[in-house]
Amino acid sequence: MIVRVPWRGVDRRGERLELRYAERRDAARYLEHMARIVRETPWMLQGPEDSVPDVAEEQDVLEELARRDNCVCVVAARPGPPPGRQPILGSVTLLGGRGRRTRHAAELAMGVQQDAWGAGIGSLLMEAALTWARESPILSRVSLQVFSDNVVAYNLYRSRGFVDEGVMERHAKWDGRYGDLIGMGLEVGP
């Protein structure tokens, strides 16, 4: 399936949804979205106790992502008035390398809020990011890291062609337990 941004349609629950590029004006809502995801799931490297950028810093980050030709940030929200004020339900970011030797490679990071799990938002965000990457004249590779016990996300990535490239054992620790990360990669261009 090809999903191009901006995209409007319905999710698996039949609810209206839009995907659009993140903008400077989204900074506060994006930070709220990320804080919620970090609280709801253990499958993020960032924890609720970690520091986060303030709104002005996040505005700068979103502007930089929009300027760079090997990066993109897409957000999912319910459409409706007022435009650009809806809470963000999910997001995906491709962060391309800065150096000449790594410009072709992007790291993918994605998150969907728990009350939106099962609605297909993660699949739509993944398709939007991969469509963008495949159409990029710069990117030829996308990689990511997923916790080994995050079976739903792991299966989504495998279904889109990502292959395992290695395991970082005991890479994260929270609440007295360790988590392994699986590195995955996908070739998207020449």
Protein backbone atom coordinates (compact mmCIF):
# COMPACT_ATOMS: atom_id res chain seq x y z
CA MET A 1 0.00 0.00 0.00
CA ILE A 2 1.25 3.48 -0.83
CA VAL A 3 0.38 6.22 1.66
CA ARG A 4 1.39 9.75 0.68
CA VAL A 5 1.26 12.68 3.06
CA PRO A 6 -1.01 14.57 3.46
CA TRP A 7 -3.46 11.68 3.75
CA ARG A 8 -7.09 11.62 4.91
CA GLY A 9 -9.22 8.56 5.40
CA VAL A 10 -10.55 6.23 8.07
CA ASP A 11 -8.72 3.92 10.42
CA ARG A 12 -9.63 0.27 11.11
CA ARG A 13 -12.24 1.42 13.62
CA GLY A 14 -13.98 3.53 10.98
CA GLU A 15 -12.89 6.80 12.60
CA ARG A 16 -11.63 9.67 10.47
CA LEU A 17 -7.89 10.20 10.52
CA GLU A 18 -5.37 12.47 8.86
CA LEU A 19 -1.63 12.15 8.41
CA ARG A 20 0.34 15.33 7.82
CA TYR A 21 3.86 16.66 8.12
CA ALA A 22 4.69 17.99 11.58
CA GLU A 23 5.09 21.76 11.71
CA ARG A 24 6.50 24.29 14.16
CA ARG A 25 2.99 24.95 15.50
CA ASP A 26 2.76 21.28 16.57
CA ALA A 27 5.59 21.50 19.11
CA ALA A 28 3.48 21.63 22.29
CA ARG A 29 1.09 18.90 21.10
CA TYR A 30 4.02 16.77 19.92
CA LEU A 31 5.68 17.01 23.34
CA GLU A 32 2.37 16.08 25.03
CA HIS A 33 2.06 13.11 22.66
CA MET A 34 5.58 11.88 23.39
CA ALA A 35 5.16 12.33 27.15
CA ARG A 36 1.99 10.25 27.02
CA ILE A 37 3.62 7.45 25.02
CA VAL A 38 6.58 7.34 27.39
CA ARG A 39 4.17 7.01 30.35
CA GLU A 40 2.02 4.34 28.66
CA THR A 41 4.58 1.86 27.38
CA PRO A 42 7.93 0.44 28.49
CA TRP A 43 9.03 0.11 24.86
CA MET A 44 10.68 3.50 24.56
CA LEU A 45 14.32 4.20 25.34
CA GLN A 46 13.27 7.46 26.98
CA GLY A 47 11.56 7.20 30.35
CA PRO A 48 9.14 9.57 32.08
CA GLU A 49 11.98 10.64 34.38
CA ASP A 50 14.19 11.81 31.49
CA SER A 51 14.41 15.47 30.53
CA VAL A 52 12.61 16.66 27.41
CA PRO A 53 13.00 19.76 25.28
CA ASP A 54 10.86 22.77 26.02
CA VAL A 55 8.37 24.02 23.42
CA ALA A 56 10.82 26.49 21.85
CA GLU A 57 13.48 23.79 21.48
CA GLU A 58 10.95 21.38 19.96
CA GLN A 59 9.85 24.08 17.51
CA ASP A 60 13.46 24.34 16.37
CA VAL A 61 13.72 20.54 16.03
CA LEU A 62 10.54 20.33 13.92
CA GLU A 63 11.72 23.21 11.72
CA GLU A 64 15.09 21.53 11.19
CA LEU A 65 13.45 18.22 10.25
CA ALA A 66 11.28 20.05 7.71
CA ARG A 67 14.34 21.79 6.22
CA ARG A 68 16.57 18.75 5.87
CA ASP A 69 16.12 16.77 2.67
CA ASN A 70 16.73 13.37 4.29
CA CYS A 71 14.39 13.73 7.28
CA VAL A 72 10.65 13.74 7.82
CA CYS A 73 8.24 13.80 10.76
CA VAL A 74 4.63 12.74 10.16
CA VAL A 75 1.85 13.01 12.74
CA ALA A 76 -1.56 11.32 12.90
CA ALA A 77 -4.59 13.17 14.28
CA ARG A 78 -8.36 13.22 14.02
CA PRO A 79 -9.42 15.92 11.53
CA GLY A 80 -11.66 18.72 12.62
CA PRO A 81 -11.74 22.33 13.71
CA PRO A 82 -9.71 24.17 14.56
CA PRO A 83 -7.10 23.07 12.01
CA GLY A 84 -3.80 22.03 13.52
CA ARG A 85 -5.15 21.98 17.07
CA GLN A 86 -6.18 18.33 17.33
CA PRO A 87 -4.27 16.08 19.73
CA ILE A 88 -1.60 13.97 18.07
CA LEU A 89 -2.37 10.22 18.28
CA GLY A 90 0.77 8.88 16.63
CA SER A 91 3.97 9.96 14.94
CA VAL A 92 6.82 8.63 12.86
CA THR A 93 10.19 10.26 12.25
CA LEU A 94 12.92 9.44 9.77
CA LEU A 95 16.18 11.04 10.84
CA GLY A 96 18.77 10.95 8.08
CA GLY A 97 22.49 11.07 8.72
CA ARG A 98 24.27 14.42 8.75
CA GLY A 99 27.63 13.37 7.36
CA ARG A 100 28.45 12.71 3.74
CA ARG A 101 28.96 9.01 4.48
CA THR A 102 25.64 8.59 6.29
CA ARG A 103 23.21 10.91 4.44
CA HIS A 104 21.72 7.92 2.64
CA ALA A 105 20.68 6.19 5.89
CA ALA A 106 17.78 7.16 8.15
CA GLU A 107 16.77 6.00 11.63
CA LEU A 108 13.06 5.38 12.07
CA ALA A 109 11.25 6.11 15.35
CA MET A 110 7.51 5.65 15.78
CA GLY A 111 4.93 5.76 18.54
CA VAL A 112 1.15 5.46 18.85
CA GLN A 113 -0.84 6.31 21.95
CA GLN A 114 -2.29 3.31 23.76
CA ASP A 115 -5.96 4.20 23.24
CA ALA A 116 -5.31 4.21 19.48
CA TRP A 117 -3.64 0.76 19.41
CA GLY A 118 -5.36 -1.66 17.06
CA ALA A 119 -6.77 1.07 14.82
CA GLY A 120 -4.09 0.60 12.15
CA ILE A 121 -2.48 3.98 12.81
CA GLY A 122 0.98 2.44 13.21
CA SER A 123 0.60 0.66 9.86
CA LEU A 124 -0.46 3.88 8.14
CA LEU A 125 2.40 5.85 9.67
CA MET A 126 4.87 3.14 8.66
CA GLU A 127 3.57 3.14 5.07
CA ALA A 128 3.77 6.94 4.91
CA ALA A 129 7.38 6.92 6.14
CA LEU A 130 8.44 4.12 3.79
CA THR A 131 6.70 5.73 0.81
CA TRP A 132 8.54 8.97 1.57
CA ALA A 133 11.85 7.11 1.96
CA ARG A 134 11.44 5.16 -1.29
CA GLU A 135 10.63 8.36 -3.19
CA SER A 136 13.58 10.22 -1.68
CA PRO A 137 16.47 10.75 -4.10
CA ILE A 138 18.84 10.60 -1.11
CA LEU A 139 17.78 7.73 1.14
CA SER A 140 18.65 4.14 0.33
CA ARG A 141 18.39 2.60 3.79
CA VAL A 142 16.13 2.78 6.85
CA SER A 143 17.02 1.22 10.18
CA LEU A 144 15.35 1.00 13.57
CA GLN A 145 15.57 -0.60 16.98
CA VAL A 146 12.74 -2.49 18.66
CA PHE A 147 12.52 -4.13 22.07
CA SER A 148 12.60 -7.91 21.71
CA ASP A 149 9.37 -8.31 23.70
CA ASN A 150 7.44 -5.72 21.63
CA VAL A 151 5.99 -8.44 19.42
CA VAL A 152 3.32 -6.29 17.72
CA ALA A 153 5.85 -3.69 16.56
CA TYR A 154 8.41 -6.34 15.59
CA ASN A 155 5.82 -8.14 13.44
CA LEU A 156 4.77 -4.85 11.80
CA TYR A 157 8.38 -4.13 10.84
CA ARG A 158 8.94 -7.67 9.53
CA SER A 159 5.74 -7.44 7.47
CA ARG A 160 7.14 -4.33 5.76
CA GLY A 161 10.39 -6.06 4.81
CA PHE A 162 12.71 -5.12 7.67
CA VAL A 163 15.26 -7.81 8.52
CA ASP A 164 17.05 -8.50 11.79
CA GLU A 165 20.59 -7.18 11.86
CA GLY A 166 21.63 -7.87 15.43
CA VAL A 167 20.67 -7.90 19.08
CA MET A 168 21.91 -5.51 21.75
CA GLU A 169 21.43 -7.56 24.89
CA ARG A 170 20.44 -5.85 28.14
CA HIS A 171 20.60 -2.48 26.39
CA ALA A 172 17.88 -0.85 28.52
CA LYS A 173 17.01 -1.15 32.19
CA TRP A 174 13.88 -0.07 34.04
CA ASP A 175 12.13 -1.25 37.19
CA GLY A 176 15.02 -3.63 37.90
CA ARG A 177 14.75 -5.56 34.64
CA TYR A 178 16.73 -5.47 31.43
CA GLY A 179 15.49 -5.26 27.86
CA ASP A 180 17.15 -6.42 24.66
CA LEU A 181 16.97 -4.35 21.48
CA ILE A 182 16.79 -5.87 18.01
CA GLY A 183 18.40 -3.80 15.27
CA MET A 184 16.50 -4.03 11.98
CA GLY A 185 17.14 -2.63 8.52
CA LEU A 186 15.46 -2.16 5.16
CA GLU A 187 16.93 -1.20 1.79
CA VAL A 188 14.67 1.40 0.12
CA GLY A 189 16.70 2.60 -2.86
CA PRO A 190 19.83 2.20 -4.94
